[in-house]
Amino acid sequence: MPRPALLFALSLATAGAGALALESAGRVEAQARNPFLGAPEPGAAEPGPAPAWRNTSWLNSDHPLTLKELRGRVVLLNFWVFTCYNCTNTVPSLVDFDRKYRDQGLTLIGIHTPEFPPYAGEHDKGNVQRALAKHGIEYPNAQDNDNRTWNLYGIRYWPSFVLIDKKGVIRYEGAGEFHLNDGTYDLWDERIRELLAE
């Protein structure tokens, strides 16, 4: 192989390895944080009270739910948007959690936070309702068209998850797609069962 071609091939290999490392680092950052038990790992937030959301537009609920009225229940917030492929791929797992644990004390709440401007249709309540029906989502969903709840919880990725214990304390957070019965599904299932047993 001529020297310029060899140098070019080495440059491509180095660039590819660097890109792979960056992608892996981003993926790790987006994955579920470790439990807030014992000394937190660097970058993990200290456990604290969940902030009270104030969303006024709700679907699959006859009134706006509040954190205060949910005291005594475990709450799993799912920050999502119906146009997000990763979000909709995770929905079957969430529907499964809702069916398995609602009667045992879990309240799953979708926080539908649009990614695109209003003209894209994600802000439209009718479109959100159609998406809920399409995906078999029966748990409550709040419209977060102004991103207030997203910002209140410091969310950065779709989909993201916040698990709140019966006392209203954030215990686990994470982000990223997962599927029925994969390792991340099992991890969230274990966390939910842990908090339900407390």
N, C-alpha and C. Protein backbone atom coordinates (compact mmCIF):
# COMPACT_ATOMS: atom_id res chain seq x y z
N MET A 1 0.86 -1.18 0.00
CA MET A 1 0.00 0.00 0.00
C MET A 1 0.90 1.24 0.00
N PRO A 2 0.68 2.20 -0.91
CA PRO A 2 1.49 3.41 -0.94
C PRO A 2 1.34 4.18 0.37
N ARG A 3 2.37 4.92 0.72
CA ARG A 3 2.41 5.63 2.00
C ARG A 3 1.22 6.58 2.21
N PRO A 4 0.81 7.43 1.24
CA PRO A 4 -0.35 8.31 1.47
C PRO A 4 -1.62 7.51 1.74
N ALA A 5 -1.80 6.40 1.06
CA ALA A 5 -2.99 5.59 1.27
C ALA A 5 -2.97 4.97 2.66
N LEU A 6 -1.78 4.55 3.12
CA LEU A 6 -1.65 3.99 4.46
C LEU A 6 -1.97 5.04 5.51
N LEU A 7 -1.44 6.24 5.34
CA LEU A 7 -1.73 7.33 6.28
C LEU A 7 -3.22 7.65 6.30
N PHE A 8 -3.84 7.65 5.13
CA PHE A 8 -5.28 7.93 5.05
C PHE A 8 -6.07 6.85 5.79
N ALA A 9 -5.70 5.58 5.59
CA ALA A 9 -6.39 4.46 6.26
C ALA A 9 -6.22 4.55 7.77
N LEU A 10 -5.02 4.88 8.24
CA LEU A 10 -4.80 5.04 9.68
C LEU A 10 -5.61 6.21 10.25
N SER A 11 -5.71 7.29 9.50
CA SER A 11 -6.50 8.45 9.94
C SER A 11 -7.97 8.07 10.08
N LEU A 12 -8.49 7.32 9.09
CA LEU A 12 -9.88 6.88 9.16
C LEU A 12 -10.11 5.97 10.36
N ALA A 13 -9.20 5.05 10.61
CA ALA A 13 -9.35 4.13 11.74
C ALA A 13 -9.33 4.89 13.05
N THR A 14 -8.43 5.87 13.19
CA THR A 14 -8.35 6.68 14.41
C THR A 14 -9.62 7.49 14.61
N ALA A 15 -10.11 8.11 13.54
CA ALA A 15 -11.35 8.90 13.63
C ALA A 15 -12.52 8.00 14.01
N GLY A 16 -12.59 6.81 13.42
CA GLY A 16 -13.68 5.87 13.74
C GLY A 16 -13.64 5.45 15.19
N ALA A 17 -12.45 5.17 15.71
CA ALA A 17 -12.32 4.77 17.12
C ALA A 17 -12.73 5.91 18.04
N GLY A 18 -12.35 7.13 17.68
CA GLY A 18 -12.73 8.30 18.49
C GLY A 18 -14.23 8.51 18.49
N ALA A 19 -14.86 8.36 17.34
CA ALA A 19 -16.32 8.52 17.25
C ALA A 19 -17.03 7.45 18.07
N LEU A 20 -16.53 6.23 18.02
CA LEU A 20 -17.12 5.14 18.80
C LEU A 20 -17.00 5.42 20.29
N ALA A 21 -15.87 5.93 20.73
CA ALA A 21 -15.67 6.26 22.15
C ALA A 21 -16.64 7.36 22.58
N LEU A 22 -16.81 8.38 21.74
CA LEU A 22 -17.75 9.46 22.08
C LEU A 22 -19.17 8.95 22.15
N GLU A 23 -19.55 8.10 21.18
CA GLU A 23 -20.90 7.54 21.18
C GLU A 23 -21.14 6.71 22.44
N SER A 24 -20.15 5.90 22.81
CA SER A 24 -20.27 5.07 24.01
C SER A 24 -20.39 5.92 25.25
N ALA A 25 -19.60 6.99 25.35
CA ALA A 25 -19.66 7.88 26.51
C ALA A 25 -21.03 8.54 26.60
N GLY A 26 -21.58 8.97 25.47
CA GLY A 26 -22.91 9.58 25.47
C GLY A 26 -23.97 8.60 25.89
N ARG A 27 -23.85 7.36 25.42
CA ARG A 27 -24.82 6.33 25.76
C ARG A 27 -24.77 6.02 27.26
N VAL A 28 -23.55 5.95 27.81
CA VAL A 28 -23.40 5.68 29.24
C VAL A 28 -24.05 6.79 30.06
N GLU A 29 -23.82 8.04 29.62
CA GLU A 29 -24.39 9.17 30.36
C GLU A 29 -25.91 9.13 30.35
N ALA A 30 -26.49 8.64 29.27
CA ALA A 30 -27.93 8.62 29.14
C ALA A 30 -28.59 7.44 29.85
N GLN A 31 -27.80 6.47 30.26
CA GLN A 31 -28.38 5.30 30.91
C GLN A 31 -28.79 5.61 32.34
N ALA A 32 -29.53 4.70 32.92
CA ALA A 32 -30.04 4.88 34.29
C ALA A 32 -28.90 5.10 35.27
N ARG A 33 -29.13 6.08 36.17
CA ARG A 33 -28.15 6.33 37.22
C ARG A 33 -28.22 5.22 38.26
N ASN A 34 -27.16 5.11 39.04
CA ASN A 34 -27.15 4.13 40.12
C ASN A 34 -28.12 4.54 41.21
N PRO A 35 -28.58 3.60 42.01
CA PRO A 35 -29.51 3.92 43.10
C PRO A 35 -28.92 4.96 44.03
N PHE A 36 -29.80 5.76 44.62
CA PHE A 36 -29.37 6.76 45.59
C PHE A 36 -29.27 6.12 46.98
N LEU A 37 -28.48 5.08 47.09
CA LEU A 37 -28.27 4.40 48.37
C LEU A 37 -26.80 4.51 48.71
N GLY A 38 -26.49 4.80 49.96
CA GLY A 38 -25.10 4.94 50.36
C GLY A 38 -24.51 6.19 49.72
N ALA A 39 -23.21 6.20 49.54
CA ALA A 39 -22.54 7.35 48.93
C ALA A 39 -22.79 7.35 47.44
N PRO A 40 -23.33 8.45 46.91
CA PRO A 40 -23.60 8.48 45.48
C PRO A 40 -22.31 8.51 44.67
N GLU A 41 -22.37 7.95 43.49
CA GLU A 41 -21.22 8.00 42.60
C GLU A 41 -21.08 9.42 42.07
N PRO A 42 -19.87 9.79 41.61
CA PRO A 42 -19.70 11.13 41.05
C PRO A 42 -20.72 11.40 39.95
N GLY A 43 -21.33 12.57 39.99
CA GLY A 43 -22.32 12.95 38.99
C GLY A 43 -23.75 12.57 39.36
N ALA A 44 -23.94 11.70 40.35
CA ALA A 44 -25.29 11.32 40.77
C ALA A 44 -25.79 12.35 41.77
N ALA A 45 -27.05 12.74 41.62
CA ALA A 45 -27.64 13.72 42.53
C ALA A 45 -27.95 13.07 43.87
N GLU A 46 -27.93 13.87 44.91
CA GLU A 46 -28.36 13.40 46.22
C GLU A 46 -29.87 13.18 46.17
N PRO A 47 -30.39 12.20 46.93
CA PRO A 47 -31.85 12.05 46.96
C PRO A 47 -32.48 13.28 47.57
N GLY A 48 -33.64 13.62 47.09
CA GLY A 48 -34.35 14.78 47.62
C GLY A 48 -35.80 14.71 47.24
N PRO A 49 -36.57 15.62 47.80
CA PRO A 49 -38.00 15.61 47.49
C PRO A 49 -38.25 15.92 46.01
N ALA A 50 -39.21 15.21 45.46
CA ALA A 50 -39.59 15.46 44.07
C ALA A 50 -40.30 16.80 43.99
N PRO A 51 -39.95 17.63 43.01
CA PRO A 51 -40.65 18.90 42.87
C PRO A 51 -42.08 18.69 42.38
N ALA A 52 -42.98 19.55 42.82
CA ALA A 52 -44.40 19.45 42.46
C ALA A 52 -44.63 20.02 41.07
N TRP A 53 -45.13 19.17 40.18
CA TRP A 53 -45.49 19.65 38.84
C TRP A 53 -46.83 20.35 38.91
N ARG A 54 -47.12 21.18 37.90
CA ARG A 54 -48.36 21.95 37.87
C ARG A 54 -49.03 21.91 36.50
N ASN A 55 -48.92 20.79 35.83
CA ASN A 55 -49.53 20.66 34.50
C ASN A 55 -51.04 20.73 34.63
N THR A 56 -51.68 21.42 33.71
CA THR A 56 -53.14 21.58 33.78
C THR A 56 -53.89 20.77 32.73
N SER A 57 -53.21 20.35 31.66
CA SER A 57 -53.85 19.58 30.59
C SER A 57 -53.46 18.11 30.74
N TRP A 58 -54.48 17.26 31.01
CA TRP A 58 -54.23 15.84 31.27
C TRP A 58 -55.08 14.96 30.36
N LEU A 59 -54.57 13.80 30.07
CA LEU A 59 -55.31 12.77 29.33
C LEU A 59 -55.30 11.50 30.19
N ASN A 60 -56.33 10.69 30.05
CA ASN A 60 -56.49 9.46 30.84
C ASN A 60 -56.57 9.75 32.34
N SER A 61 -57.07 10.92 32.69
CA SER A 61 -57.29 11.28 34.09
C SER A 61 -58.44 12.27 34.12
N ASP A 62 -59.31 12.14 35.14
CA ASP A 62 -60.45 13.04 35.19
C ASP A 62 -60.13 14.38 35.85
N HIS A 63 -58.88 14.53 36.35
CA HIS A 63 -58.45 15.80 36.94
C HIS A 63 -56.92 15.86 36.89
N PRO A 64 -56.35 17.06 37.03
CA PRO A 64 -54.89 17.18 37.08
C PRO A 64 -54.35 16.52 38.35
N LEU A 65 -53.48 15.53 38.18
CA LEU A 65 -52.91 14.85 39.33
C LEU A 65 -51.82 15.71 39.97
N THR A 66 -51.69 15.57 41.29
CA THR A 66 -50.65 16.29 42.01
C THR A 66 -49.79 15.30 42.77
N LEU A 67 -48.56 15.68 43.02
CA LEU A 67 -47.66 14.84 43.79
C LEU A 67 -48.21 14.64 45.21
N LYS A 68 -48.81 15.68 45.76
CA LYS A 68 -49.34 15.61 47.12
C LYS A 68 -50.42 14.52 47.24
N GLU A 69 -51.32 14.45 46.27
CA GLU A 69 -52.39 13.45 46.36
C GLU A 69 -51.89 12.03 46.13
N LEU A 70 -50.68 11.90 45.56
CA LEU A 70 -50.12 10.58 45.28
C LEU A 70 -49.22 10.07 46.41
N ARG A 71 -49.12 10.83 47.51
CA ARG A 71 -48.35 10.35 48.67
C ARG A 71 -48.87 8.99 49.08
N GLY A 72 -47.96 8.09 49.41
CA GLY A 72 -48.35 6.73 49.75
C GLY A 72 -48.32 5.78 48.56
N ARG A 73 -48.09 6.34 47.36
CA ARG A 73 -47.97 5.51 46.15
C ARG A 73 -46.57 5.73 45.57
N VAL A 74 -46.06 4.74 44.88
CA VAL A 74 -44.82 4.87 44.13
C VAL A 74 -45.20 5.49 42.79
N VAL A 75 -44.43 6.48 42.35
CA VAL A 75 -44.74 7.21 41.11
C VAL A 75 -43.57 7.06 40.13
N LEU A 76 -43.88 6.62 38.93
CA LEU A 76 -42.88 6.56 37.86
C LEU A 76 -43.27 7.58 36.80
N LEU A 77 -42.44 8.61 36.64
CA LEU A 77 -42.65 9.60 35.59
C LEU A 77 -41.88 9.17 34.34
N ASN A 78 -42.54 9.25 33.20
CA ASN A 78 -41.92 8.96 31.92
C ASN A 78 -42.00 10.20 31.05
N PHE A 79 -40.87 10.84 30.79
CA PHE A 79 -40.81 12.01 29.91
C PHE A 79 -40.64 11.48 28.49
N TRP A 80 -41.62 11.79 27.64
CA TRP A 80 -41.65 11.21 26.30
C TRP A 80 -42.34 12.16 25.34
N VAL A 81 -42.30 11.81 24.05
CA VAL A 81 -43.07 12.51 23.03
C VAL A 81 -43.42 11.46 21.96
N PHE A 82 -44.64 11.52 21.44
CA PHE A 82 -45.11 10.44 20.58
C PHE A 82 -44.37 10.32 19.25
N THR A 83 -43.61 11.32 18.86
CA THR A 83 -42.85 11.24 17.61
C THR A 83 -41.44 10.67 17.80
N CYS A 84 -41.10 10.35 19.03
CA CYS A 84 -39.76 9.83 19.35
C CYS A 84 -39.77 8.31 19.24
N TYR A 85 -38.97 7.79 18.33
CA TYR A 85 -38.88 6.35 18.08
C TYR A 85 -38.45 5.60 19.34
N ASN A 86 -37.45 6.12 20.05
CA ASN A 86 -36.97 5.47 21.27
C ASN A 86 -38.05 5.46 22.34
N CYS A 87 -38.83 6.53 22.40
CA CYS A 87 -39.91 6.61 23.38
C CYS A 87 -40.98 5.56 23.10
N THR A 88 -41.42 5.48 21.86
CA THR A 88 -42.50 4.55 21.55
C THR A 88 -42.03 3.10 21.62
N ASN A 89 -40.74 2.85 21.41
CA ASN A 89 -40.21 1.50 21.59
C ASN A 89 -40.24 1.07 23.05
N THR A 90 -40.19 2.03 23.97
CA THR A 90 -40.19 1.74 25.40
C THR A 90 -41.60 1.59 25.95
N VAL A 91 -42.60 2.13 25.25
CA VAL A 91 -43.98 2.12 25.74
C VAL A 91 -44.49 0.73 26.13
N PRO A 92 -44.24 -0.34 25.36
CA PRO A 92 -44.76 -1.64 25.79
C PRO A 92 -44.28 -2.05 27.19
N SER A 93 -43.06 -1.69 27.54
CA SER A 93 -42.55 -1.98 28.89
C SER A 93 -43.32 -1.20 29.94
N LEU A 94 -43.61 0.06 29.65
CA LEU A 94 -44.33 0.90 30.60
C LEU A 94 -45.78 0.44 30.76
N VAL A 95 -46.41 0.07 29.66
CA VAL A 95 -47.77 -0.48 29.71
C VAL A 95 -47.77 -1.74 30.57
N ASP A 96 -46.74 -2.56 30.43
CA ASP A 96 -46.62 -3.77 31.24
C ASP A 96 -46.47 -3.44 32.73
N PHE A 97 -45.61 -2.47 33.05
CA PHE A 97 -45.46 -2.05 34.46
C PHE A 97 -46.79 -1.57 35.02
N ASP A 98 -47.51 -0.77 34.24
CA ASP A 98 -48.80 -0.24 34.69
C ASP A 98 -49.78 -1.38 34.97
N ARG A 99 -49.86 -2.33 34.08
CA ARG A 99 -50.79 -3.46 34.26
C ARG A 99 -50.40 -4.33 35.44
N LYS A 100 -49.09 -4.54 35.65
CA LYS A 100 -48.63 -5.42 36.73
C LYS A 100 -48.72 -4.78 38.10
N TYR A 101 -48.46 -3.47 38.18
CA TYR A 101 -48.25 -2.86 39.49
C TYR A 101 -49.23 -1.76 39.89
N ARG A 102 -50.14 -1.37 39.02
CA ARG A 102 -51.07 -0.29 39.39
C ARG A 102 -51.85 -0.63 40.65
N ASP A 103 -52.40 -1.84 40.71
CA ASP A 103 -53.20 -2.24 41.87
C ASP A 103 -52.35 -2.49 43.11
N GLN A 104 -51.04 -2.58 42.94
CA GLN A 104 -50.15 -2.76 44.09
C GLN A 104 -49.59 -1.45 44.62
N GLY A 105 -49.93 -0.32 43.95
CA GLY A 105 -49.50 0.98 44.47
C GLY A 105 -48.61 1.80 43.57
N LEU A 106 -48.45 1.41 42.28
CA LEU A 106 -47.65 2.20 41.34
C LEU A 106 -48.57 3.12 40.54
N THR A 107 -48.20 4.38 40.45
CA THR A 107 -48.85 5.30 39.52
C THR A 107 -47.83 5.69 38.48
N LEU A 108 -48.08 5.31 37.25
CA LEU A 108 -47.22 5.67 36.14
C LEU A 108 -47.83 6.90 35.46
N ILE A 109 -47.01 7.90 35.23
CA ILE A 109 -47.48 9.14 34.60
C ILE A 109 -46.58 9.48 33.43
N GLY A 110 -47.17 9.64 32.26
CA GLY A 110 -46.44 10.12 31.11
C GLY A 110 -46.42 11.64 31.15
N ILE A 111 -45.25 12.22 30.97
CA ILE A 111 -45.11 13.67 30.85
C ILE A 111 -44.76 13.92 29.38
N HIS A 112 -45.77 14.27 28.59
CA HIS A 112 -45.60 14.41 27.15
C HIS A 112 -45.03 15.79 26.85
N THR A 113 -43.72 15.82 26.54
CA THR A 113 -42.99 17.07 26.32
C THR A 113 -42.57 17.16 24.85
N PRO A 114 -43.20 18.05 24.07
CA PRO A 114 -42.87 18.16 22.65
C PRO A 114 -41.41 18.54 22.41
N GLU A 115 -40.87 17.99 21.33
CA GLU A 115 -39.50 18.30 20.92
C GLU A 115 -39.48 19.41 19.88
N PHE A 116 -40.50 19.47 19.03
CA PHE A 116 -40.52 20.39 17.90
C PHE A 116 -41.51 21.53 18.14
N PRO A 117 -41.44 22.60 17.35
CA PRO A 117 -42.38 23.73 17.48
C PRO A 117 -43.83 23.29 17.29
N PRO A 118 -44.77 24.13 17.75
CA PRO A 118 -46.20 23.75 17.69
C PRO A 118 -46.71 23.32 16.32
N TYR A 119 -46.18 23.89 15.25
CA TYR A 119 -46.70 23.53 13.92
C TYR A 119 -46.42 22.07 13.56
N ALA A 120 -45.55 21.39 14.32
CA ALA A 120 -45.22 19.99 14.05
C ALA A 120 -46.31 19.03 14.55
N GLY A 121 -47.24 19.52 15.37
CA GLY A 121 -48.37 18.71 15.80
C GLY A 121 -48.22 18.02 17.15
N GLU A 122 -47.04 18.09 17.77
CA GLU A 122 -46.84 17.41 19.05
C GLU A 122 -47.56 18.10 20.20
N HIS A 123 -47.91 19.36 20.04
CA HIS A 123 -48.60 20.11 21.10
C HIS A 123 -50.11 19.85 21.10
N ASP A 124 -50.61 19.29 20.03
CA ASP A 124 -52.04 19.12 19.85
C ASP A 124 -52.58 17.97 20.72
N LYS A 125 -53.54 18.28 21.57
CA LYS A 125 -54.08 17.29 22.50
C LYS A 125 -54.72 16.12 21.76
N GLY A 126 -55.38 16.37 20.65
CA GLY A 126 -55.99 15.31 19.86
C GLY A 126 -54.95 14.34 19.32
N ASN A 127 -53.82 14.87 18.88
CA ASN A 127 -52.74 14.00 18.38
C ASN A 127 -52.17 13.14 19.51
N VAL A 128 -52.02 13.74 20.69
CA VAL A 128 -51.51 12.97 21.83
C VAL A 128 -52.52 11.88 22.19
N GLN A 129 -53.81 12.21 22.19
CA GLN A 129 -54.84 11.22 22.51
C GLN A 129 -54.82 10.05 21.53
N ARG A 130 -54.65 10.36 20.25
CA ARG A 130 -54.56 9.30 19.24
C ARG A 130 -53.33 8.41 19.47
N ALA A 131 -52.22 9.03 19.86
CA ALA A 131 -51.00 8.25 20.14
C ALA A 131 -51.21 7.34 21.35
N LEU A 132 -51.89 7.83 22.38
CA LEU A 132 -52.16 7.00 23.56
C LEU A 132 -53.00 5.78 23.16
N ALA A 133 -54.02 6.02 22.35
CA ALA A 133 -54.88 4.91 21.91
C ALA A 133 -54.09 3.92 21.05
N LYS A 134 -53.28 4.43 20.12
CA LYS A 134 -52.49 3.58 19.22
C LYS A 134 -51.57 2.65 19.99
N HIS A 135 -50.98 3.16 21.08
CA HIS A 135 -49.99 2.39 21.84
C HIS A 135 -50.58 1.68 23.06
N GLY A 136 -51.90 1.76 23.24
CA GLY A 136 -52.53 1.07 24.36
C GLY A 136 -52.19 1.65 25.71
N ILE A 137 -51.92 2.95 25.76
CA ILE A 137 -51.54 3.61 27.02
C ILE A 137 -52.81 4.03 27.76
N GLU A 138 -53.00 3.47 28.94
CA GLU A 138 -54.16 3.80 29.76
C GLU A 138 -53.79 4.62 30.99
N TYR A 139 -52.51 4.74 31.28
CA TYR A 139 -52.09 5.51 32.45
C TYR A 139 -52.15 7.01 32.15
N PRO A 140 -52.27 7.84 33.20
CA PRO A 140 -52.40 9.29 33.00
C PRO A 140 -51.20 9.89 32.26
N ASN A 141 -51.50 10.90 31.47
CA ASN A 141 -50.48 11.65 30.75
C ASN A 141 -50.76 13.13 30.89
N ALA A 142 -49.71 13.87 31.25
CA ALA A 142 -49.80 15.33 31.34
C ALA A 142 -49.16 15.93 30.11
N GLN A 143 -49.79 16.95 29.55
CA GLN A 143 -49.15 17.69 28.46
C GLN A 143 -48.21 18.71 29.08
N ASP A 144 -46.98 18.71 28.60
CA ASP A 144 -45.93 19.62 29.10
C ASP A 144 -45.47 20.51 27.96
N ASN A 145 -46.45 21.17 27.32
CA ASN A 145 -46.17 21.95 26.11
C ASN A 145 -45.22 23.13 26.34
N ASP A 146 -45.12 23.60 27.58
CA ASP A 146 -44.23 24.73 27.87
C ASP A 146 -42.90 24.26 28.48
N ASN A 147 -42.69 22.96 28.56
CA ASN A 147 -41.46 22.35 29.08
C ASN A 147 -41.21 22.65 30.56
N ARG A 148 -42.19 23.11 31.29
CA ARG A 148 -41.97 23.46 32.69
C ARG A 148 -41.61 22.26 33.55
N THR A 149 -42.31 21.16 33.37
CA THR A 149 -42.01 19.98 34.19
C THR A 149 -40.69 19.37 33.75
N TRP A 150 -40.43 19.34 32.46
CA TRP A 150 -39.14 18.91 31.92
C TRP A 150 -38.01 19.68 32.59
N ASN A 151 -38.11 21.01 32.62
CA ASN A 151 -37.08 21.85 33.22
C ASN A 151 -37.03 21.69 34.74
N LEU A 152 -38.19 21.55 35.36
CA LEU A 152 -38.27 21.39 36.81
C LEU A 152 -37.48 20.17 37.28
N TYR A 153 -37.52 19.11 36.49
CA TYR A 153 -36.81 17.87 36.84
C TYR A 153 -35.42 17.78 36.19
N GLY A 154 -35.02 18.79 35.45
CA GLY A 154 -33.69 18.80 34.84
C GLY A 154 -33.50 17.71 33.80
N ILE A 155 -34.55 17.41 33.05
CA ILE A 155 -34.50 16.35 32.04
C ILE A 155 -33.74 16.84 30.81
N ARG A 156 -32.99 15.92 30.18
CA ARG A 156 -32.21 16.26 28.99
C ARG A 156 -32.44 15.32 27.82
N TYR A 157 -33.09 14.18 28.04
CA TYR A 157 -33.22 13.17 26.98
C TYR A 157 -34.64 12.63 26.91
N TRP A 158 -35.04 12.21 25.70
CA TRP A 158 -36.27 11.44 25.50
C TRP A 158 -35.85 9.99 25.25
N PRO A 159 -36.41 9.00 25.82
CA PRO A 159 -37.25 9.07 27.01
C PRO A 159 -36.40 9.14 28.28
N SER A 160 -36.96 9.74 29.31
CA SER A 160 -36.33 9.77 30.63
C SER A 160 -37.32 9.30 31.67
N PHE A 161 -36.80 8.86 32.80
CA PHE A 161 -37.62 8.26 33.84
C PHE A 161 -37.19 8.77 35.21
N VAL A 162 -38.17 9.02 36.07
CA VAL A 162 -37.92 9.42 37.45
C VAL A 162 -38.82 8.55 38.32
N LEU A 163 -38.22 7.84 39.26
CA LEU A 163 -38.99 6.97 40.16
C LEU A 163 -39.00 7.59 41.55
N ILE A 164 -40.20 7.84 42.05
CA ILE A 164 -40.42 8.56 43.30
C ILE A 164 -41.03 7.60 44.31
N ASP A 165 -40.51 7.61 45.54
CA ASP A 165 -41.01 6.68 46.55
C ASP A 165 -42.30 7.18 47.19
N LYS A 166 -42.85 6.40 48.11
CA LYS A 166 -44.14 6.70 48.73
C LYS A 166 -44.13 7.97 49.56
N LYS A 167 -42.94 8.45 49.94
CA LYS A 167 -42.81 9.68 50.72
C LYS A 167 -42.58 10.90 49.84
N GLY A 168 -42.53 10.68 48.52
CA GLY A 168 -42.33 11.80 47.60
C GLY A 168 -40.87 12.13 47.35
N VAL A 169 -39.97 11.17 47.59
CA VAL A 169 -38.54 11.38 47.41
C VAL A 169 -38.09 10.70 46.11
N ILE A 170 -37.32 11.42 45.30
CA ILE A 170 -36.76 10.83 44.08
C ILE A 170 -35.71 9.81 44.49
N ARG A 171 -35.89 8.59 44.02
CA ARG A 171 -34.95 7.52 44.38
C ARG A 171 -34.11 7.05 43.19
N TYR A 172 -34.69 7.06 42.01
CA TYR A 172 -33.96 6.60 40.82
C TYR A 172 -34.31 7.49 39.63
N GLU A 173 -33.31 7.70 38.78
CA GLU A 173 -33.52 8.42 37.53
C GLU A 173 -32.76 7.69 36.43
N GLY A 174 -33.21 7.85 35.21
CA GLY A 174 -32.50 7.25 34.09
C GLY A 174 -33.07 7.72 32.77
N ALA A 175 -32.38 7.36 31.71
CA ALA A 175 -32.81 7.75 30.37
C ALA A 175 -32.41 6.67 29.39
N GLY A 176 -33.15 6.58 28.32
CA GLY A 176 -32.81 5.66 27.26
C GLY A 176 -33.87 4.60 27.03
N GLU A 177 -33.89 4.09 25.83
CA GLU A 177 -34.85 3.08 25.40
C GLU A 177 -34.57 1.74 26.08
N PHE A 178 -35.63 1.03 26.44
CA PHE A 178 -35.50 -0.37 26.85
C PHE A 178 -36.71 -1.14 26.39
N HIS A 179 -36.62 -2.48 26.45
CA HIS A 179 -37.65 -3.35 25.88
C HIS A 179 -38.09 -4.39 26.90
N LEU A 180 -39.28 -4.94 26.66
CA LEU A 180 -39.81 -5.97 27.54
C LEU A 180 -38.76 -7.05 27.81
N ASN A 181 -38.52 -7.26 29.09
CA ASN A 181 -37.66 -8.34 29.58
C ASN A 181 -36.19 -8.25 29.19
N ASP A 182 -35.71 -7.07 28.78
CA ASP A 182 -34.27 -6.94 28.61
C ASP A 182 -33.66 -6.53 29.96
N GLY A 183 -32.36 -6.36 30.01
CA GLY A 183 -31.68 -6.07 31.27
C GLY A 183 -32.14 -4.78 31.92
N THR A 184 -32.37 -3.73 31.14
CA THR A 184 -32.81 -2.46 31.70
C THR A 184 -34.25 -2.55 32.18
N TYR A 185 -35.09 -3.28 31.46
CA TYR A 185 -36.46 -3.53 31.93
C TYR A 185 -36.40 -4.23 33.30
N ASP A 186 -35.57 -5.26 33.41
CA ASP A 186 -35.45 -5.99 34.68
C ASP A 186 -34.98 -5.09 35.80
N LEU A 187 -34.06 -4.17 35.51
CA LEU A 187 -33.56 -3.24 36.51
C LEU A 187 -34.68 -2.33 37.02
N TRP A 188 -35.47 -1.74 36.09
CA TRP A 188 -36.57 -0.88 36.51
C TRP A 188 -37.65 -1.69 37.24
N ASP A 189 -37.90 -2.91 36.79
CA ASP A 189 -38.87 -3.77 37.46
C ASP A 189 -38.44 -4.02 38.91
N GLU A 190 -37.16 -4.30 39.10
CA GLU A 190 -36.62 -4.53 40.45
C GLU A 190 -36.77 -3.28 41.31
N ARG A 191 -36.46 -2.12 40.74
CA ARG A 191 -36.58 -0.86 41.48
C ARG A 191 -38.02 -0.59 41.90
N ILE A 192 -38.95 -0.82 41.00
CA ILE A 192 -40.37 -0.60 41.31
C ILE A 192 -40.79 -1.53 42.45
N ARG A 193 -40.43 -2.80 42.35
CA ARG A 193 -40.81 -3.76 43.39
C ARG A 193 -40.18 -3.41 44.74
N GLU A 194 -38.95 -2.93 44.70
CA GLU A 194 -38.26 -2.50 45.93
C GLU A 194 -39.05 -1.38 46.63
N LEU A 195 -39.45 -0.37 45.87
CA LEU A 195 -40.14 0.77 46.48
C LEU A 195 -41.57 0.40 46.89
N LEU A 196 -42.21 -0.48 46.15
CA LEU A 196 -43.55 -0.93 46.54
C LEU A 196 -43.52 -1.69 47.85
N ALA A 197 -42.42 -2.39 48.13
CA ALA A 197 -42.29 -3.20 49.34
C ALA A 197 -41.97 -2.37 50.58
N GLU A 198 -41.54 -1.14 50.41
CA GLU A 198 -41.16 -0.29 51.56
C GLU A 198 -42.38 0.14 52.36
